[in-house]
């Protein structure tokens, strides 16, 4: 069976891959929670209101889509006694690495907002 030039061209075309926004939000959520020093992702009153009116908000994570790439905002609490700048940097790197290893999408910025400090529970 012979292939015409147009058929071969169609076979090599990569096509498009679509990713559900909930998958992206879950990747970000998990990447942020795995960092030592992160107590929890913050569910403030403003975030609850944002969740009701926006489908780009999920458990302390908000995504905005722009032409330059996505803008990620993460709202979290840290444990008392950790160096906040180190935790924030590790969260940004974890999110960047998590997204780039699973999805080919351009990230414009990753903004981490520390909303509070929690004390570790004694066992």
C-alpha atoms as a PDB file:
ATOM      1  CA  UNK A   1       0.000   0.000   0.000  1.00  0.00           C
ATOM      2  CA  UNK A   2       1.448   3.352  -1.007  1.00  0.00           C
ATOM      3  CA  UNK A   3       1.050   6.555   0.960  1.00  0.00           C
ATOM      4  CA  UNK A   4       0.638   9.840  -0.820  1.00  0.00           C
ATOM      5  CA  UNK A   5       2.667  12.825   0.320  1.00  0.00           C
ATOM      6  CA  UNK A   6      -0.312  14.352   2.113  1.00  0.00           C
ATOM      7  CA  UNK A   7      -0.994  11.174   4.091  1.00  0.00           C
ATOM      8  CA  UNK A   8       2.594  10.996   5.316  1.00  0.00           C
ATOM      9  CA  UNK A   9       2.420  14.652   6.270  1.00  0.00           C
ATOM     10  CA  UNK A  10      -0.675  13.974   8.380  1.00  0.00           C
ATOM     11  CA  UNK A  11       1.017  11.043  10.100  1.00  0.00           C
ATOM     12  CA  UNK A  12       3.931  13.187  11.254  1.00  0.00           C
ATOM     13  CA  UNK A  13       1.737  16.054  12.462  1.00  0.00           C
ATOM     14  CA  UNK A  14       1.951  16.212  16.255  1.00  0.00           C
ATOM     15  CA  UNK A  15      -1.508  17.646  16.763  1.00  0.00           C
ATOM     16  CA  UNK A  16      -2.744  19.339  19.918  1.00  0.00           C
ATOM     17  CA  UNK A  17      -2.979  18.119  23.470  1.00  0.00           C
ATOM     18  CA  UNK A  18      -5.564  19.598  25.802  1.00  0.00           C
ATOM     19  CA  UNK A  19      -5.264  19.510  29.581  1.00  0.00           C
ATOM     20  CA  UNK A  20      -8.163  19.960  31.966  1.00  0.00           C
ATOM     21  CA  UNK A  21      -7.573  22.934  34.280  1.00  0.00           C
ATOM     22  CA  UNK A  22      -8.365  20.735  37.288  1.00  0.00           C
ATOM     23  CA  UNK A  23      -5.333  18.579  36.474  1.00  0.00           C
ATOM     24  CA  UNK A  24      -3.115  21.660  36.416  1.00  0.00           C
ATOM     25  CA  UNK A  25      -4.607  22.895  39.696  1.00  0.00           C
ATOM     26  CA  UNK A  26      -4.032  19.472  41.280  1.00  0.00           C
ATOM     27  CA  UNK A  27      -0.391  19.368  40.144  1.00  0.00           C
ATOM     28  CA  UNK A  28       0.214  22.785  41.673  1.00  0.00           C
ATOM     29  CA  UNK A  29      -1.608  21.856  44.876  1.00  0.00           C
ATOM     30  CA  UNK A  30       0.401  18.658  45.372  1.00  0.00           C
ATOM     31  CA  UNK A  31       3.722  20.317  44.479  1.00  0.00           C
ATOM     32  CA  UNK A  32       3.139  23.017  47.096  1.00  0.00           C
ATOM     33  CA  UNK A  33       2.054  20.605  49.832  1.00  0.00           C
ATOM     34  CA  UNK A  34       5.092  18.342  49.465  1.00  0.00           C
ATOM     35  CA  UNK A  35       7.525  21.047  50.608  1.00  0.00           C
ATOM     36  CA  UNK A  36       8.749  20.798  54.184  1.00  0.00           C
ATOM     37  CA  UNK A  37       7.630  23.847  56.150  1.00  0.00           C
ATOM     38  CA  UNK A  38       4.298  24.257  54.373  1.00  0.00           C
ATOM     39  CA  UNK A  39       1.526  23.784  56.902  1.00  0.00           C
ATOM     40  CA  UNK A  40      -1.456  23.960  54.568  1.00  0.00           C
ATOM     41  CA  UNK A  41      -2.876  25.787  51.616  1.00  0.00           C
ATOM     42  CA  UNK A  42      -4.983  28.674  52.791  1.00  0.00           C
ATOM     43  CA  UNK A  43      -8.739  28.838  52.451  1.00  0.00           C
ATOM     44  CA  UNK A  44      -9.471  32.418  53.470  1.00  0.00           C
ATOM     45  CA  UNK A  45     -12.867  34.082  53.091  1.00  0.00           C
ATOM     46  CA  UNK A  46     -11.661  35.820  49.921  1.00  0.00           C
ATOM     47  CA  UNK A  47     -10.550  32.505  48.431  1.00  0.00           C
ATOM     48  CA  UNK A  48     -13.931  30.914  49.190  1.00  0.00           C
ATOM     49  CA  UNK A  49     -15.663  33.811  47.417  1.00  0.00           C
ATOM     50  CA  UNK A  50     -13.199  33.504  44.513  1.00  0.00           C
ATOM     51  CA  UNK A  51     -13.934  29.792  44.270  1.00  0.00           C
ATOM     52  CA  UNK A  52     -17.665  30.488  43.981  1.00  0.00           C
ATOM     53  CA  UNK A  53     -17.277  32.969  41.146  1.00  0.00           C
ATOM     54  CA  UNK A  54     -14.224  31.612  39.344  1.00  0.00           C
ATOM     55  CA  UNK A  55     -13.489  28.146  38.029  1.00  0.00           C
ATOM     56  CA  UNK A  56      -9.721  28.853  38.071  1.00  0.00           C
ATOM     57  CA  UNK A  57      -9.417  28.620  41.860  1.00  0.00           C
ATOM     58  CA  UNK A  58      -8.868  25.432  43.854  1.00  0.00           C
ATOM     59  CA  UNK A  59      -7.787  24.981  47.487  1.00  0.00           C
ATOM     60  CA  UNK A  60      -5.484  27.963  47.803  1.00  0.00           C
ATOM     61  CA  UNK A  61      -4.352  27.955  44.163  1.00  0.00           C
ATOM     62  CA  UNK A  62      -5.431  30.453  41.520  1.00  0.00           C
ATOM     63  CA  UNK A  63      -4.494  30.424  37.834  1.00  0.00           C
ATOM     64  CA  UNK A  64      -4.772  33.263  35.345  1.00  0.00           C
ATOM     65  CA  UNK A  65      -4.219  32.637  31.637  1.00  0.00           C
ATOM     66  CA  UNK A  66      -2.401  35.317  29.609  1.00  0.00           C
ATOM     67  CA  UNK A  67      -0.746  35.488  26.204  1.00  0.00           C
ATOM     68  CA  UNK A  68       2.694  35.390  27.858  1.00  0.00           C
ATOM     69  CA  UNK A  69       1.845  32.231  29.839  1.00  0.00           C
ATOM     70  CA  UNK A  70       0.023  31.295  32.992  1.00  0.00           C
ATOM     71  CA  UNK A  71       0.207  33.259  36.221  1.00  0.00           C
ATOM     72  CA  UNK A  72      -0.015  31.081  39.315  1.00  0.00           C
ATOM     73  CA  UNK A  73      -0.948  32.421  42.743  1.00  0.00           C
ATOM     74  CA  UNK A  74      -0.555  30.090  45.728  1.00  0.00           C
ATOM     75  CA  UNK A  75      -1.899  31.046  49.163  1.00  0.00           C
ATOM     76  CA  UNK A  76      -0.433  29.050  52.047  1.00  0.00           C
ATOM     77  CA  UNK A  77       0.470  28.910  55.720  1.00  0.00           C
ATOM     78  CA  UNK A  78       3.933  27.944  56.952  1.00  0.00           C
ATOM     79  CA  UNK A  79       5.068  26.386  60.211  1.00  0.00           C
ATOM     80  CA  UNK A  80       6.538  28.526  62.958  1.00  0.00           C
ATOM     81  CA  UNK A  81      10.340  28.555  62.955  1.00  0.00           C
ATOM     82  CA  UNK A  82      10.968  27.929  59.253  1.00  0.00           C
ATOM     83  CA  UNK A  83      12.790  30.399  57.045  1.00  0.00           C
ATOM     84  CA  UNK A  84       9.958  31.799  54.938  1.00  0.00           C
ATOM     85  CA  UNK A  85      12.112  32.852  51.988  1.00  0.00           C
ATOM     86  CA  UNK A  86      13.525  29.310  51.662  1.00  0.00           C
ATOM     87  CA  UNK A  87      10.079  27.704  51.830  1.00  0.00           C
ATOM     88  CA  UNK A  88       8.681  30.120  49.230  1.00  0.00           C
ATOM     89  CA  UNK A  89      11.605  29.461  46.866  1.00  0.00           C
ATOM     90  CA  UNK A  90      11.220  25.684  47.261  1.00  0.00           C
ATOM     91  CA  UNK A  91       7.467  25.931  46.588  1.00  0.00           C
ATOM     92  CA  UNK A  92       8.114  27.935  43.408  1.00  0.00           C
ATOM     93  CA  UNK A  93      10.730  25.446  42.199  1.00  0.00           C
ATOM     94  CA  UNK A  94       8.529  22.454  43.029  1.00  0.00           C
ATOM     95  CA  UNK A  95       5.591  23.910  41.107  1.00  0.00           C
ATOM     96  CA  UNK A  96       7.783  24.847  38.134  1.00  0.00           C
ATOM     97  CA  UNK A  97       9.380  21.382  37.995  1.00  0.00           C
ATOM     98  CA  UNK A  98       6.067  19.595  38.505  1.00  0.00           C
ATOM     99  CA  UNK A  99       4.341  21.430  35.685  1.00  0.00           C
ATOM    100  CA  UNK A 100       7.259  21.264  33.247  1.00  0.00           C
ATOM    101  CA  UNK A 101       7.712  17.518  33.801  1.00  0.00           C
ATOM    102  CA  UNK A 102       4.048  16.730  33.152  1.00  0.00           C
ATOM    103  CA  UNK A 103       2.685  19.465  30.894  1.00  0.00           C
ATOM    104  CA  UNK A 104       4.327  21.597  28.225  1.00  0.00           C
ATOM    105  CA  UNK A 105       2.911  24.977  29.187  1.00  0.00           C
ATOM    106  CA  UNK A 106       4.646  28.334  29.539  1.00  0.00           C
ATOM    107  CA  UNK A 107       4.690  29.813  33.029  1.00  0.00           C
ATOM    108  CA  UNK A 108       4.794  33.603  33.263  1.00  0.00           C
ATOM    109  CA  UNK A 109       5.078  33.819  37.050  1.00  0.00           C
ATOM    110  CA  UNK A 110       4.553  31.852  40.249  1.00  0.00           C
ATOM    111  CA  UNK A 111       3.496  34.059  43.149  1.00  0.00           C
ATOM    112  CA  UNK A 112       3.504  32.524  46.628  1.00  0.00           C
ATOM    113  CA  UNK A 113       1.524  34.403  49.272  1.00  0.00           C
ATOM    114  CA  UNK A 114       2.219  33.433  52.889  1.00  0.00           C
ATOM    115  CA  UNK A 115      -1.059  34.112  54.660  1.00  0.00           C
ATOM    116  CA  UNK A 116      -0.190  32.930  58.144  1.00  0.00           C
ATOM    117  CA  UNK A 117       1.968  30.925  60.511  1.00  0.00           C
ATOM    118  CA  UNK A 118       0.844  27.700  62.183  1.00  0.00           C
ATOM    119  CA  UNK A 119       2.384  25.965  65.180  1.00  0.00           C
ATOM    120  CA  UNK A 120       3.255  22.287  64.893  1.00  0.00           C
ATOM    121  CA  UNK A 121       0.984  19.997  66.855  1.00  0.00           C
ATOM    122  CA  UNK A 122       2.759  18.054  69.548  1.00  0.00           C
ATOM    123  CA  UNK A 123       2.329  14.278  69.361  1.00  0.00           C
END
